[in-house]
Amino acid sequence: MMNLLFETKRLIVRKLVIDDLTPFHEMQGNINVMRFVRGKAMTFDEDKKDLQELIEFYDKKDNDFWIYAVERKIENKFVGTIAFVKDSNNDDEIGYRFLEKYWGNGYGTEIVEGMIEYCKKNGFKKLVACVANDNIASDKIIKKAGFQFVESFVSDDLKIPEQKYILNL
């Protein structure tokens, strides 16, 4: 697959395509998925615009915002997204989200481990992860992956308390 970024035991990470719109919106249109990301569910039109922009970002030379699709190998089905983003300190921040119906299957742990391996192979020196205090599942995943707590802060966008973690590679 030409657009393949990396894979894990059960998951494939690849570039987003316009055919991802239906499951992408199923994920982004769910308040349970989006409450720690944007604080609200997204509309279909917002998601269509977002997806088109994310696809266009792949061709931008100075892009510092990379979002990829995650799909299950077993049926090549879209289950979520991952993110590599330069934060305000120019550090490499990771993120991930999954459709709610796939929560509780260990995909978060698996994808974070895959992201760490991918980053090590590609010369990253340090990763950052920011987790909302109320996002207990993500907090466990990040700690399990070896990230170390750095500081507590209130997010600029949603004004919610978060924890910042760092992993030196």
Foldseek 3Di string as FASTA:
>chain_A
DVQWLDAFPWKTKGAQDLVCLVVQLLQQQDQVQCCFPQNHRDDSVVSSVVSVVQNVLVPDPPRQKHKIFMATPVVRHTFWIKIFGQDPVRATEIDITGRPVPPPPCVLLRVVLVVVVSCVVVPHFKYKYKAFPPPVVNVVSCVVSPWAWDDWDQDPRPRGIITMTMDGD
